[in-house]
Amino acid sequence: MNIHEHNSKILEPKPIEMGFTVGKNAEYAAIPLMGSDTQLMIIHQGKQIKKCRNRKSALKFIEDHRKGKSMAKLPVD
């Protein structure tokens, strides 16, 4: 899995998630949600797929989704 970091803030005392893309052609994007320091929205092919609580859960979801595992589709707020 090829992860591309975006605008990391190494010297921040409390790091804020800045998001990332995954894949050769940036197939997946994890975009930070406004008003949260850790939550990310997963976007695939221009559609919002899932809201994740943190970076670890976002990476796990993307990995499972890429493998084609069956997942329930939840409405996104």
PDB file of N, CA and C in Angstrom:
ATOM      1  N   MET A   1       0.863  -1.162   0.000  1.00  0.00           N
ATOM      2  CA  MET A   1       0.000   0.000   0.000  1.00  0.00           C
ATOM      3  C   MET A   1       0.910   1.225   0.000  1.00  0.00           C
ATOM      4  N   ASN A   2       0.655   2.149  -0.891  1.00  0.00           N
ATOM      5  CA  ASN A   2       1.461   3.349  -1.055  1.00  0.00           C
ATOM      6  C   ASN A   2       0.723   4.537  -0.434  1.00  0.00           C
ATOM      7  N   ILE A   3       1.232   5.077   0.676  1.00  0.00           N
ATOM      8  CA  ILE A   3       0.585   6.177   1.392  1.00  0.00           C
ATOM      9  C   ILE A   3       1.353   7.458   1.145  1.00  0.00           C
ATOM     10  N   HIS A   4       0.647   8.520   0.806  1.00  0.00           N
ATOM     11  CA  HIS A   4       1.260   9.829   0.573  1.00  0.00           C
ATOM     12  C   HIS A   4       0.804  10.785   1.665  1.00  0.00           C
ATOM     13  N   GLU A   5       1.743  11.267   2.447  1.00  0.00           N
ATOM     14  CA  GLU A   5       1.434  12.187   3.538  1.00  0.00           C
ATOM     15  C   GLU A   5       1.228  13.600   2.994  1.00  0.00           C
ATOM     16  N   HIS A   6       0.435  14.391   3.704  1.00  0.00           N
ATOM     17  CA  HIS A   6       0.168  15.763   3.307  1.00  0.00           C
ATOM     18  C   HIS A   6       0.397  16.719   4.464  1.00  0.00           C
ATOM     19  N   ASN A   7       1.314  17.662   4.283  1.00  0.00           N
ATOM     20  CA  ASN A   7       1.476  18.787   5.197  1.00  0.00           C
ATOM     21  C   ASN A   7       1.555  18.363   6.666  1.00  0.00           C
ATOM     22  N   SER A   8       2.511  17.500   6.994  1.00  0.00           N
ATOM     23  CA  SER A   8       2.632  17.076   8.394  1.00  0.00           C
ATOM     24  C   SER A   8       3.188  18.215   9.245  1.00  0.00           C
ATOM     25  N   LYS A   9       2.750  18.302  10.466  1.00  0.00           N
ATOM     26  CA  LYS A   9       3.197  19.340  11.396  1.00  0.00           C
ATOM     27  C   LYS A   9       3.928  18.663  12.537  1.00  0.00           C
ATOM     28  N   ILE A  10       5.203  18.404  12.333  1.00  0.00           N
ATOM     29  CA  ILE A  10       6.008  17.639  13.269  1.00  0.00           C
ATOM     30  C   ILE A  10       6.169  18.342  14.611  1.00  0.00           C
ATOM     31  N   LEU A  11       6.293  19.648  14.620  1.00  0.00           N
ATOM     32  CA  LEU A  11       6.605  20.371  15.846  1.00  0.00           C
ATOM     33  C   LEU A  11       5.392  20.783  16.673  1.00  0.00           C
ATOM     34  N   GLU A  12       4.198  20.405  16.274  1.00  0.00           N
ATOM     35  CA  GLU A  12       2.994  20.733  17.037  1.00  0.00           C
ATOM     36  C   GLU A  12       2.953  19.898  18.317  1.00  0.00           C
ATOM     37  N   PRO A  13       2.659  20.499  19.488  1.00  0.00           N
ATOM     38  CA  PRO A  13       2.590  19.725  20.727  1.00  0.00           C
ATOM     39  C   PRO A  13       1.449  18.707  20.707  1.00  0.00           C
ATOM     40  N   LYS A  14       0.333  19.065  20.084  1.00  0.00           N
ATOM     41  CA  LYS A  14      -0.788  18.153  19.919  1.00  0.00           C
ATOM     42  C   LYS A  14      -1.050  18.046  18.421  1.00  0.00           C
ATOM     43  N   PRO A  15      -0.515  17.004  17.778  1.00  0.00           N
ATOM     44  CA  PRO A  15      -0.635  16.921  16.318  1.00  0.00           C
ATOM     45  C   PRO A  15      -2.081  16.831  15.861  1.00  0.00           C
ATOM     46  N   ILE A  16      -2.365  17.490  14.752  1.00  0.00           N
ATOM     47  CA  ILE A  16      -3.688  17.484  14.143  1.00  0.00           C
ATOM     48  C   ILE A  16      -3.588  16.669  12.861  1.00  0.00           C
ATOM     49  N   GLU A  17      -4.539  15.766  12.649  1.00  0.00           N
ATOM     50  CA  GLU A  17      -4.541  14.930  11.450  1.00  0.00           C
ATOM     51  C   GLU A  17      -4.723  15.798  10.213  1.00  0.00           C
ATOM     52  N   MET A  18      -3.836  15.619   9.232  1.00  0.00           N
ATOM     53  CA  MET A  18      -3.875  16.428   8.016  1.00  0.00           C
ATOM     54  C   MET A  18      -4.407  15.660   6.807  1.00  0.00           C
ATOM     55  N   GLY A  19      -4.585  14.351   6.922  1.00  0.00           N
ATOM     56  CA  GLY A  19      -5.116  13.553   5.833  1.00  0.00           C
ATOM     57  C   GLY A  19      -4.019  12.918   5.005  1.00  0.00           C
ATOM     58  N   PHE A  20      -4.439  12.014   4.109  1.00  0.00           N
ATOM     59  CA  PHE A  20      -3.491  11.317   3.248  1.00  0.00           C
ATOM     60  C   PHE A  20      -4.238  10.691   2.082  1.00  0.00           C
ATOM     61  N   THR A  21      -3.469  10.252   1.073  1.00  0.00           N
ATOM     62  CA  THR A  21      -4.027   9.516  -0.049  1.00  0.00           C
ATOM     63  C   THR A  21      -3.345   8.159  -0.125  1.00  0.00           C
ATOM     64  N   VAL A  22      -4.038   7.194  -0.729  1.00  0.00           N
ATOM     65  CA  VAL A  22      -3.513   5.835  -0.845  1.00  0.00           C
ATOM     66  C   VAL A  22      -3.701   5.354  -2.279  1.00  0.00           C
ATOM     67  N   GLY A  23      -2.700   4.650  -2.793  1.00  0.00           N
ATOM     68  CA  GLY A  23      -2.791   4.048  -4.120  1.00  0.00           C
ATOM     69  C   GLY A  23      -1.944   4.778  -5.143  1.00  0.00           C
ATOM     70  N   LYS A  24      -1.718   4.101  -6.280  1.00  0.00           N
ATOM     71  CA  LYS A  24      -0.916   4.669  -7.367  1.00  0.00           C
ATOM     72  C   LYS A  24      -1.488   5.997  -7.851  1.00  0.00           C
ATOM     73  N   ASN A  25      -2.772   6.010  -8.097  1.00  0.00           N
ATOM     74  CA  ASN A  25      -3.438   7.206  -8.638  1.00  0.00           C
ATOM     75  C   ASN A  25      -4.275   7.899  -7.576  1.00  0.00           C
ATOM     76  N   ALA A  26      -3.858   7.783  -6.340  1.00  0.00           N
ATOM     77  CA  ALA A  26      -4.596   8.375  -5.209  1.00  0.00           C
ATOM     78  C   ALA A  26      -6.057   7.928  -5.242  1.00  0.00           C
ATOM     79  N   GLU A  27      -6.254   6.605  -5.323  1.00  0.00           N
ATOM     80  CA  GLU A  27      -7.594   6.022  -5.406  1.00  0.00           C
ATOM     81  C   GLU A  27      -8.455   6.351  -4.190  1.00  0.00           C
ATOM     82  N   TYR A  28      -7.817   6.386  -3.031  1.00  0.00           N
ATOM     83  CA  TYR A  28      -8.517   6.678  -1.789  1.00  0.00           C
ATOM     84  C   TYR A  28      -7.921   7.935  -1.168  1.00  0.00           C
ATOM     85  N   ALA A  29      -8.776   8.721  -0.548  1.00  0.00           N
ATOM     86  CA  ALA A  29      -8.310   9.898   0.178  1.00  0.00           C
ATOM     87  C   ALA A  29      -8.965   9.882   1.554  1.00  0.00           C
ATOM     88  N   ALA A  30      -8.188  10.231   2.560  1.00  0.00           N
ATOM     89  CA  ALA A  30      -8.703  10.373   3.922  1.00  0.00           C
ATOM     90  C   ALA A  30      -8.586  11.856   4.262  1.00  0.00           C
ATOM     91  N   ILE A  31      -9.715  12.516   4.351  1.00  0.00           N
ATOM     92  CA  ILE A  31      -9.790  13.962   4.548  1.00  0.00           C
ATOM     93  C   ILE A  31     -10.243  14.249   5.976  1.00  0.00           C
ATOM     94  N   PRO A  32      -9.548  15.157   6.690  1.00  0.00           N
ATOM     95  CA  PRO A  32      -9.972  15.474   8.064  1.00  0.00           C
ATOM     96  C   PRO A  32     -11.341  16.162   8.098  1.00  0.00           C
ATOM     97  N   LEU A  33     -12.114  15.838   9.112  1.00  0.00           N
ATOM     98  CA  LEU A  33     -13.424  16.462   9.300  1.00  0.00           C
ATOM     99  C   LEU A  33     -13.272  17.764  10.070  1.00  0.00           C
ATOM    100  N   MET A  34     -14.045  18.748   9.688  1.00  0.00           N
ATOM    101  CA  MET A  34     -13.993  20.030  10.363  1.00  0.00           C
ATOM    102  C   MET A  34     -14.505  19.882  11.789  1.00  0.00           C
ATOM    103  N   GLY A  35     -13.803  20.512  12.720  1.00  0.00           N
ATOM    104  CA  GLY A  35     -14.212  20.477  14.112  1.00  0.00           C
ATOM    105  C   GLY A  35     -13.665  19.286  14.881  1.00  0.00           C
ATOM    106  N   SER A  36     -12.828  18.466  14.234  1.00  0.00           N
ATOM    107  CA  SER A  36     -12.247  17.307  14.906  1.00  0.00           C
ATOM    108  C   SER A  36     -10.751  17.250  14.616  1.00  0.00           C
ATOM    109  N   ASP A  37      -9.978  16.843  15.617  1.00  0.00           N
ATOM    110  CA  ASP A  37      -8.534  16.717  15.425  1.00  0.00           C
ATOM    111  C   ASP A  37      -8.127  15.342  14.934  1.00  0.00           C
ATOM    112  N   THR A  38      -9.030  14.356  15.009  1.00  0.00           N
ATOM    113  CA  THR A  38      -8.646  12.992  14.656  1.00  0.00           C
ATOM    114  C   THR A  38      -9.536  12.327  13.609  1.00  0.00           C
ATOM    115  N   GLN A  39     -10.792  12.711  13.487  1.00  0.00           N
ATOM    116  CA  GLN A  39     -11.707  12.015  12.582  1.00  0.00           C
ATOM    117  C   GLN A  39     -11.380  12.295  11.113  1.00  0.00           C
ATOM    118  N   LEU A  40     -11.577  11.251  10.286  1.00  0.00           N
ATOM    119  CA  LEU A  40     -11.296  11.336   8.853  1.00  0.00           C
ATOM    120  C   LEU A  40     -12.471  10.806   8.048  1.00  0.00           C
ATOM    121  N   MET A  41     -12.723  11.412   6.887  1.00  0.00           N
ATOM    122  CA  MET A  41     -13.731  10.927   5.955  1.00  0.00           C
ATOM    123  C   MET A  41     -13.002  10.218   4.826  1.00  0.00           C
ATOM    124  N   ILE A  42     -13.387   8.970   4.533  1.00  0.00           N
ATOM    125  CA  ILE A  42     -12.778   8.207   3.448  1.00  0.00           C
ATOM    126  C   ILE A  42     -13.547   8.498   2.177  1.00  0.00           C
ATOM    127  N   ILE A  43     -12.819   8.873   1.121  1.00  0.00           N
ATOM    128  CA  ILE A  43     -13.423   9.179  -0.173  1.00  0.00           C
ATOM    129  C   ILE A  43     -12.822   8.240  -1.210  1.00  0.00           C
ATOM    130  N   HIS A  44     -13.691   7.600  -2.008  1.00  0.00           N
ATOM    131  CA  HIS A  44     -13.257   6.693  -3.072  1.00  0.00           C
ATOM    132  C   HIS A  44     -14.117   6.967  -4.297  1.00  0.00           C
ATOM    133  N   GLN A  45     -13.466   7.228  -5.413  1.00  0.00           N
ATOM    134  CA  GLN A  45     -14.139   7.545  -6.676  1.00  0.00           C
ATOM    135  C   GLN A  45     -15.143   8.685  -6.511  1.00  0.00           C
ATOM    136  N   GLY A  46     -14.764   9.695  -5.748  1.00  0.00           N
ATOM    137  CA  GLY A  46     -15.584  10.887  -5.580  1.00  0.00           C
ATOM    138  C   GLY A  46     -16.762  10.732  -4.630  1.00  0.00           C
ATOM    139  N   LYS A  47     -16.878   9.583  -3.979  1.00  0.00           N
ATOM    140  CA  LYS A  47     -17.996   9.356  -3.063  1.00  0.00           C
ATOM    141  C   LYS A  47     -17.479   9.207  -1.634  1.00  0.00           C
ATOM    142  N   GLN A  48     -18.234   9.771  -0.707  1.00  0.00           N
ATOM    143  CA  GLN A  48     -17.906   9.606   0.711  1.00  0.00           C
ATOM    144  C   GLN A  48     -18.331   8.202   1.115  1.00  0.00           C
ATOM    145  N   ILE A  49     -17.368   7.424   1.601  1.00  0.00           N
ATOM    146  CA  ILE A  49     -17.667   6.039   1.949  1.00  0.00           C
ATOM    147  C   ILE A  49     -17.937   5.874   3.436  1.00  0.00           C
ATOM    148  N   LYS A  50     -17.015   6.392   4.274  1.00  0.00           N
ATOM    149  CA  LYS A  50     -17.153   6.156   5.705  1.00  0.00           C
ATOM    150  C   LYS A  50     -16.440   7.233   6.502  1.00  0.00           C
ATOM    151  N   LYS A  51     -16.966   7.515   7.685  1.00  0.00           N
ATOM    152  CA  LYS A  51     -16.320   8.413   8.642  1.00  0.00           C
ATOM    153  C   LYS A  51     -15.586   7.544   9.650  1.00  0.00           C
ATOM    154  N   CYS A  52     -14.268   7.755   9.777  1.00  0.00           N
ATOM    155  CA  CYS A  52     -13.446   6.959  10.697  1.00  0.00           C
ATOM    156  C   CYS A  52     -13.015   7.805  11.880  1.00  0.00           C
ATOM    157  N   ARG A  53     -12.852   7.166  13.024  1.00  0.00           N
ATOM    158  CA  ARG A  53     -12.506   7.875  14.264  1.00  0.00           C
ATOM    159  C   ARG A  53     -11.062   8.340  14.298  1.00  0.00           C
ATOM    160  N   ASN A  54     -10.145   7.583  13.659  1.00  0.00           N
ATOM    161  CA  ASN A  54      -8.733   7.952  13.702  1.00  0.00           C
ATOM    162  C   ASN A  54      -8.001   7.385  12.486  1.00  0.00           C
ATOM    163  N   ARG A  55      -6.711   7.680  12.396  1.00  0.00           N
ATOM    164  CA  ARG A  55      -5.886   7.261  11.263  1.00  0.00           C
ATOM    165  C   ARG A  55      -5.797   5.739  11.163  1.00  0.00           C
ATOM    166  N   LYS A  56      -5.638   5.070  12.305  1.00  0.00           N
ATOM    167  CA  LYS A  56      -5.503   3.620  12.308  1.00  0.00           C
ATOM    168  C   LYS A  56      -6.748   2.942  11.738  1.00  0.00           C
ATOM    169  N   SER A  57      -7.926   3.390  12.158  1.00  0.00           N
ATOM    170  CA  SER A  57      -9.163   2.791  11.655  1.00  0.00           C
ATOM    171  C   SER A  57      -9.386   3.128  10.184  1.00  0.00           C
ATOM    172  N   ALA A  58      -8.940   4.300   9.749  1.00  0.00           N
ATOM    173  CA  ALA A  58      -9.061   4.674   8.337  1.00  0.00           C
ATOM    174  C   ALA A  58      -8.186   3.772   7.466  1.00  0.00           C
ATOM    175  N   LEU A  59      -6.943   3.536   7.895  1.00  0.00           N
ATOM    176  CA  LEU A  59      -6.052   2.659   7.136  1.00  0.00           C
ATOM    177  C   LEU A  59      -6.590   1.228   7.082  1.00  0.00           C
ATOM    178  N   LYS A  60      -7.135   0.748   8.194  1.00  0.00           N
ATOM    179  CA  LYS A  60      -7.708  -0.602   8.237  1.00  0.00           C
ATOM    180  C   LYS A  60      -8.896  -0.704   7.289  1.00  0.00           C
ATOM    181  N   PHE A  61      -9.778   0.303   7.300  1.00  0.00           N
ATOM    182  CA  PHE A  61     -10.941   0.289   6.420  1.00  0.00           C
ATOM    183  C   PHE A  61     -10.509   0.291   4.952  1.00  0.00           C
ATOM    184  N   ILE A  62      -9.542   1.141   4.596  1.00  0.00           N
ATOM    185  CA  ILE A  62      -9.076   1.220   3.209  1.00  0.00           C
ATOM    186  C   ILE A  62      -8.464  -0.111   2.780  1.00  0.00           C
ATOM    187  N   GLU A  63      -7.664  -0.711   3.656  1.00  0.00           N
ATOM    188  CA  GLU A  63      -7.044  -1.995   3.333  1.00  0.00           C
ATOM    189  C   GLU A  63      -8.106  -3.065   3.071  1.00  0.00           C
ATOM    190  N   ASP A  64      -9.114  -3.132   3.944  1.00  0.00           N
ATOM    191  CA  ASP A  64     -10.194  -4.109   3.764  1.00  0.00           C
ATOM    192  C   ASP A  64     -10.997  -3.812   2.503  1.00  0.00           C
ATOM    193  N   HIS A  65     -11.272  -2.555   2.238  1.00  0.00           N
ATOM    194  CA  HIS A  65     -12.058  -2.174   1.067  1.00  0.00           C
ATOM    195  C   HIS A  65     -11.312  -2.507  -0.227  1.00  0.00           C
ATOM    196  N   ARG A  66     -10.000  -2.310  -0.236  1.00  0.00           N
ATOM    197  CA  ARG A  66      -9.192  -2.630  -1.414  1.00  0.00           C
ATOM    198  C   ARG A  66      -9.177  -4.121  -1.695  1.00  0.00           C
ATOM    199  N   LYS A  67      -9.232  -4.938  -0.633  1.00  0.00           N
ATOM    200  CA  LYS A  67      -9.233  -6.388  -0.792  1.00  0.00           C
ATOM    201  C   LYS A  67     -10.597  -6.897  -1.244  1.00  0.00           C
ATOM    202  N   GLY A  68     -11.612  -6.034  -1.182  1.00  0.00           N
ATOM    203  CA  GLY A  68     -12.942  -6.415  -1.644  1.00  0.00           C
ATOM    204  C   GLY A  68     -13.765  -7.150  -0.617  1.00  0.00           C
ATOM    205  N   LYS A  69     -13.423  -7.003   0.659  1.00  0.00           N
ATOM    206  CA  LYS A  69     -14.225  -7.648   1.689  1.00  0.00           C
ATOM    207  C   LYS A  69     -15.604  -7.007   1.740  1.00  0.00           C
ATOM    208  N   SER A  70     -16.602  -7.804   2.026  1.00  0.00           N
ATOM    209  CA  SER A  70     -17.963  -7.308   2.109  1.00  0.00           C
ATOM    210  C   SER A  70     -18.103  -6.395   3.317  1.00  0.00           C
ATOM    211  N   MET A  71     -18.667  -5.208   3.096  1.00  0.00           N
ATOM    212  CA  MET A  71     -18.861  -4.252   4.185  1.00  0.00           C
ATOM    213  C   MET A  71     -20.233  -3.613   4.050  1.00  0.00           C
ATOM    214  N   ALA A  72     -20.844  -3.380   5.168  1.00  0.00           N
ATOM    215  CA  ALA A  72     -22.130  -2.707   5.168  1.00  0.00           C
ATOM    216  C   ALA A  72     -21.937  -1.256   4.767  1.00  0.00           C
ATOM    217  N   LYS A  73     -22.886  -0.699   4.042  1.00  0.00           N
ATOM    218  CA  LYS A  73     -22.806   0.700   3.650  1.00  0.00           C
ATOM    219  C   LYS A  73     -23.709   1.503   4.579  1.00  0.00           C
ATOM    220  N   LEU A  74     -23.090   2.378   5.339  1.00  0.00           N
ATOM    221  CA  LEU A  74     -23.817   3.207   6.280  1.00  0.00           C
ATOM    222  C   LEU A  74     -24.034   4.584   5.696  1.00  0.00           C
ATOM    223  N   PRO A  75     -25.166   5.217   5.975  1.00  0.00           N
ATOM    224  CA  PRO A  75     -25.353   6.585   5.513  1.00  0.00           C
ATOM    225  C   PRO A  75     -24.397   7.521   6.235  1.00  0.00           C
ATOM    226  N   VAL A  76     -23.839   8.469   5.491  1.00  0.00           N
ATOM    227  CA  VAL A  76     -22.908   9.417   6.057  1.00  0.00           C
ATOM    228  C   VAL A  76     -23.661  10.694   6.392  1.00  0.00           C
ATOM    229  N   ASP A  77     -23.433  11.219   7.596  1.00  0.00           N
ATOM    230  CA  ASP A  77     -24.127  12.435   8.029  1.00  0.00           C
ATOM    231  C   ASP A  77     -23.694  13.611   7.197  1.00  0.00           C
TER     232      ASP A  77
END
